[in-house]
Amino acid sequence: MSREKILTMLGFGERSRKIVSGETGCRIAIQKKKAKLLIIALDTAESKKTDFKNLATHHQVPILEFGYKETLGKAIGKSSRSAIAICDDGLAETIDQLIE
């Protein structure tokens, strides 16, 4: 897994408006079936992780636990983020391939 490449792809996704970040934004993207991949920070509280995982599983959105809140936020030019929803098939597939 290329950590730096994934963070770079997240930055590209933010600039092209193909990602949604933060708890509320991710929940809305999942519920509206716009999310193609959900990235949850490793240092997110267990209760929040469980909530996100249950919601994503219910709506059949793949889940990836990656990075830390501060790192994810920095990658997209924002403050720390506990979750990022990828809303583009191509970007989600690219990140998934980088993981393998």
C-alpha atoms as a PDB file:
ATOM      1  CA  MET A   1       0.000   0.000   0.000  1.00  0.00           C
ATOM      2  CA  SER A   2       1.377   3.387  -0.949  1.00  0.00           C
ATOM      3  CA  ARG A   3       0.287   5.698   1.833  1.00  0.00           C
ATOM      4  CA  GLU A   4       1.528   8.861   0.139  1.00  0.00           C
ATOM      5  CA  LYS A   5      -0.203   8.021  -3.151  1.00  0.00           C
ATOM      6  CA  ILE A   6      -3.511   7.482  -1.361  1.00  0.00           C
ATOM      7  CA  LEU A   7      -3.192  10.815   0.452  1.00  0.00           C
ATOM      8  CA  THR A   8      -2.356  12.509  -2.863  1.00  0.00           C
ATOM      9  CA  MET A   9      -5.430  10.947  -4.487  1.00  0.00           C
ATOM     10  CA  LEU A  10      -7.569  12.259  -1.617  1.00  0.00           C
ATOM     11  CA  GLY A  11      -6.197  15.742  -2.254  1.00  0.00           C
ATOM     12  CA  PHE A  12      -7.058  15.451  -5.958  1.00  0.00           C
ATOM     13  CA  GLY A  13     -10.523  14.213  -5.004  1.00  0.00           C
ATOM     14  CA  GLU A  14     -11.117  17.223  -2.761  1.00  0.00           C
ATOM     15  CA  ARG A  15     -10.005  19.683  -5.429  1.00  0.00           C
ATOM     16  CA  SER A  16     -12.266  18.036  -8.014  1.00  0.00           C
ATOM     17  CA  ARG A  17     -15.157  17.830  -5.520  1.00  0.00           C
ATOM     18  CA  LYS A  18     -15.376  14.046  -5.697  1.00  0.00           C
ATOM     19  CA  ILE A  19     -15.147  13.478  -1.957  1.00  0.00           C
ATOM     20  CA  VAL A  20     -17.165  14.478   1.086  1.00  0.00           C
ATOM     21  CA  SER A  21     -15.562  14.760   4.499  1.00  0.00           C
ATOM     22  CA  GLY A  22     -16.724  14.955   8.083  1.00  0.00           C
ATOM     23  CA  GLU A  23     -19.304  13.000   9.998  1.00  0.00           C
ATOM     24  CA  THR A  24     -22.455  14.716   8.730  1.00  0.00           C
ATOM     25  CA  GLY A  25     -21.342  14.958   5.106  1.00  0.00           C
ATOM     26  CA  CYS A  26     -20.367  11.296   4.997  1.00  0.00           C
ATOM     27  CA  ARG A  27     -23.660  10.183   6.537  1.00  0.00           C
ATOM     28  CA  ILE A  28     -25.628  12.161   3.951  1.00  0.00           C
ATOM     29  CA  ALA A  29     -23.501  10.847   1.057  1.00  0.00           C
ATOM     30  CA  ILE A  30     -24.019   7.256   2.226  1.00  0.00           C
ATOM     31  CA  GLN A  31     -27.764   7.672   2.757  1.00  0.00           C
ATOM     32  CA  LYS A  32     -28.215   9.310  -0.658  1.00  0.00           C
ATOM     33  CA  LYS A  33     -26.216   6.451  -2.217  1.00  0.00           C
ATOM     34  CA  LYS A  34     -23.543   8.809  -3.539  1.00  0.00           C
ATOM     35  CA  ALA A  35     -20.659   7.273  -1.565  1.00  0.00           C
ATOM     36  CA  LYS A  36     -18.638   4.606  -3.405  1.00  0.00           C
ATOM     37  CA  LEU A  37     -16.043   4.077  -0.657  1.00  0.00           C
ATOM     38  CA  LEU A  38     -15.869   5.167   2.987  1.00  0.00           C
ATOM     39  CA  ILE A  39     -12.500   5.853   4.596  1.00  0.00           C
ATOM     40  CA  ILE A  40     -12.499   5.915   8.404  1.00  0.00           C
ATOM     41  CA  ALA A  41      -9.496   7.215  10.370  1.00  0.00           C
ATOM     42  CA  LEU A  42      -7.806   4.665  12.619  1.00  0.00           C
ATOM     43  CA  ASP A  43      -7.996   6.979  15.638  1.00  0.00           C
ATOM     44  CA  THR A  44     -11.747   7.562  15.359  1.00  0.00           C
ATOM     45  CA  ALA A  45     -13.686   6.676  18.524  1.00  0.00           C
ATOM     46  CA  GLU A  46     -14.934   3.085  18.506  1.00  0.00           C
ATOM     47  CA  SER A  47     -18.562   4.164  18.886  1.00  0.00           C
ATOM     48  CA  LYS A  48     -18.293   6.397  15.791  1.00  0.00           C
ATOM     49  CA  LYS A  49     -16.512   3.638  13.867  1.00  0.00           C
ATOM     50  CA  THR A  50     -19.321   1.244  14.716  1.00  0.00           C
ATOM     51  CA  ASP A  51     -21.970   3.766  13.638  1.00  0.00           C
ATOM     52  CA  PHE A  52     -20.195   4.418  10.327  1.00  0.00           C
ATOM     53  CA  LYS A  53     -19.631   0.710   9.694  1.00  0.00           C
ATOM     54  CA  ASN A  54     -23.278  -0.149  10.388  1.00  0.00           C
ATOM     55  CA  LEU A  55     -24.525   2.624   8.096  1.00  0.00           C
ATOM     56  CA  ALA A  56     -22.068   1.772   5.307  1.00  0.00           C
ATOM     57  CA  THR A  57     -22.807  -1.951   5.540  1.00  0.00           C
ATOM     58  CA  HIS A  58     -26.548  -1.290   5.422  1.00  0.00           C
ATOM     59  CA  HIS A  59     -26.104   0.770   2.235  1.00  0.00           C
ATOM     60  CA  GLN A  60     -23.477  -1.612   0.784  1.00  0.00           C
ATOM     61  CA  VAL A  61     -20.636   0.911   0.758  1.00  0.00           C
ATOM     62  CA  PRO A  62     -17.125  -0.596   1.042  1.00  0.00           C
ATOM     63  CA  ILE A  63     -15.171   0.527   4.111  1.00  0.00           C
ATOM     64  CA  LEU A  64     -11.463   1.215   4.505  1.00  0.00           C
ATOM     65  CA  GLU A  65      -9.739   2.058   7.790  1.00  0.00           C
ATOM     66  CA  PHE A  66      -6.751   4.186   6.892  1.00  0.00           C
ATOM     67  CA  GLY A  67      -4.600   6.972   8.314  1.00  0.00           C
ATOM     68  CA  TYR A  68      -5.283   9.252  11.225  1.00  0.00           C
ATOM     69  CA  LYS A  69      -7.738  12.122  11.555  1.00  0.00           C
ATOM     70  CA  GLU A  70      -5.047  14.798  11.367  1.00  0.00           C
ATOM     71  CA  THR A  71      -3.400  13.165   8.321  1.00  0.00           C
ATOM     72  CA  LEU A  72      -6.678  12.776   6.433  1.00  0.00           C
ATOM     73  CA  GLY A  73      -7.620  16.381   7.121  1.00  0.00           C
ATOM     74  CA  LYS A  74      -4.220  17.653   6.036  1.00  0.00           C
ATOM     75  CA  ALA A  75      -4.403  15.623   2.798  1.00  0.00           C
ATOM     76  CA  ILE A  76      -7.583  17.448   1.787  1.00  0.00           C
ATOM     77  CA  GLY A  77      -6.548  20.853   3.110  1.00  0.00           C
ATOM     78  CA  LYS A  78      -8.890  20.909   6.097  1.00  0.00           C
ATOM     79  CA  SER A  79      -8.815  20.325   9.835  1.00  0.00           C
ATOM     80  CA  SER A  80      -8.796  16.760  11.169  1.00  0.00           C
ATOM     81  CA  ARG A  81     -11.462  14.475   9.670  1.00  0.00           C
ATOM     82  CA  SER A  82     -12.722  11.188  11.104  1.00  0.00           C
ATOM     83  CA  ALA A  83     -14.240  10.023   7.814  1.00  0.00           C
ATOM     84  CA  ILE A  84     -14.083  10.683   4.092  1.00  0.00           C
ATOM     85  CA  ALA A  85     -16.623   9.422   1.566  1.00  0.00           C
ATOM     86  CA  ILE A  86     -15.381   8.940  -1.993  1.00  0.00           C
ATOM     87  CA  CYS A  87     -18.244   9.799  -4.377  1.00  0.00           C
ATOM     88  CA  ASP A  88     -16.611   8.870  -7.682  1.00  0.00           C
ATOM     89  CA  ASP A  89     -16.319   5.315  -9.053  1.00  0.00           C
ATOM     90  CA  GLY A  90     -12.957   5.934 -10.727  1.00  0.00           C
ATOM     91  CA  LEU A  91     -11.354   7.497  -7.666  1.00  0.00           C
ATOM     92  CA  ALA A  92     -12.728   4.779  -5.382  1.00  0.00           C
ATOM     93  CA  GLU A  93     -11.355   2.085  -7.710  1.00  0.00           C
ATOM     94  CA  THR A  94      -7.939   3.770  -7.898  1.00  0.00           C
ATOM     95  CA  ILE A  95      -7.664   3.990  -4.108  1.00  0.00           C
ATOM     96  CA  ASP A  96      -8.825   0.383  -3.780  1.00  0.00           C
ATOM     97  CA  GLN A  97      -6.096  -0.725  -6.226  1.00  0.00           C
ATOM     98  CA  LEU A  98      -3.446   1.205  -4.283  1.00  0.00           C
ATOM     99  CA  ILE A  99      -4.461  -0.695  -1.147  1.00  0.00           C
ATOM    100  CA  GLU A 100      -3.903  -4.098  -2.785  1.00  0.00           C
END
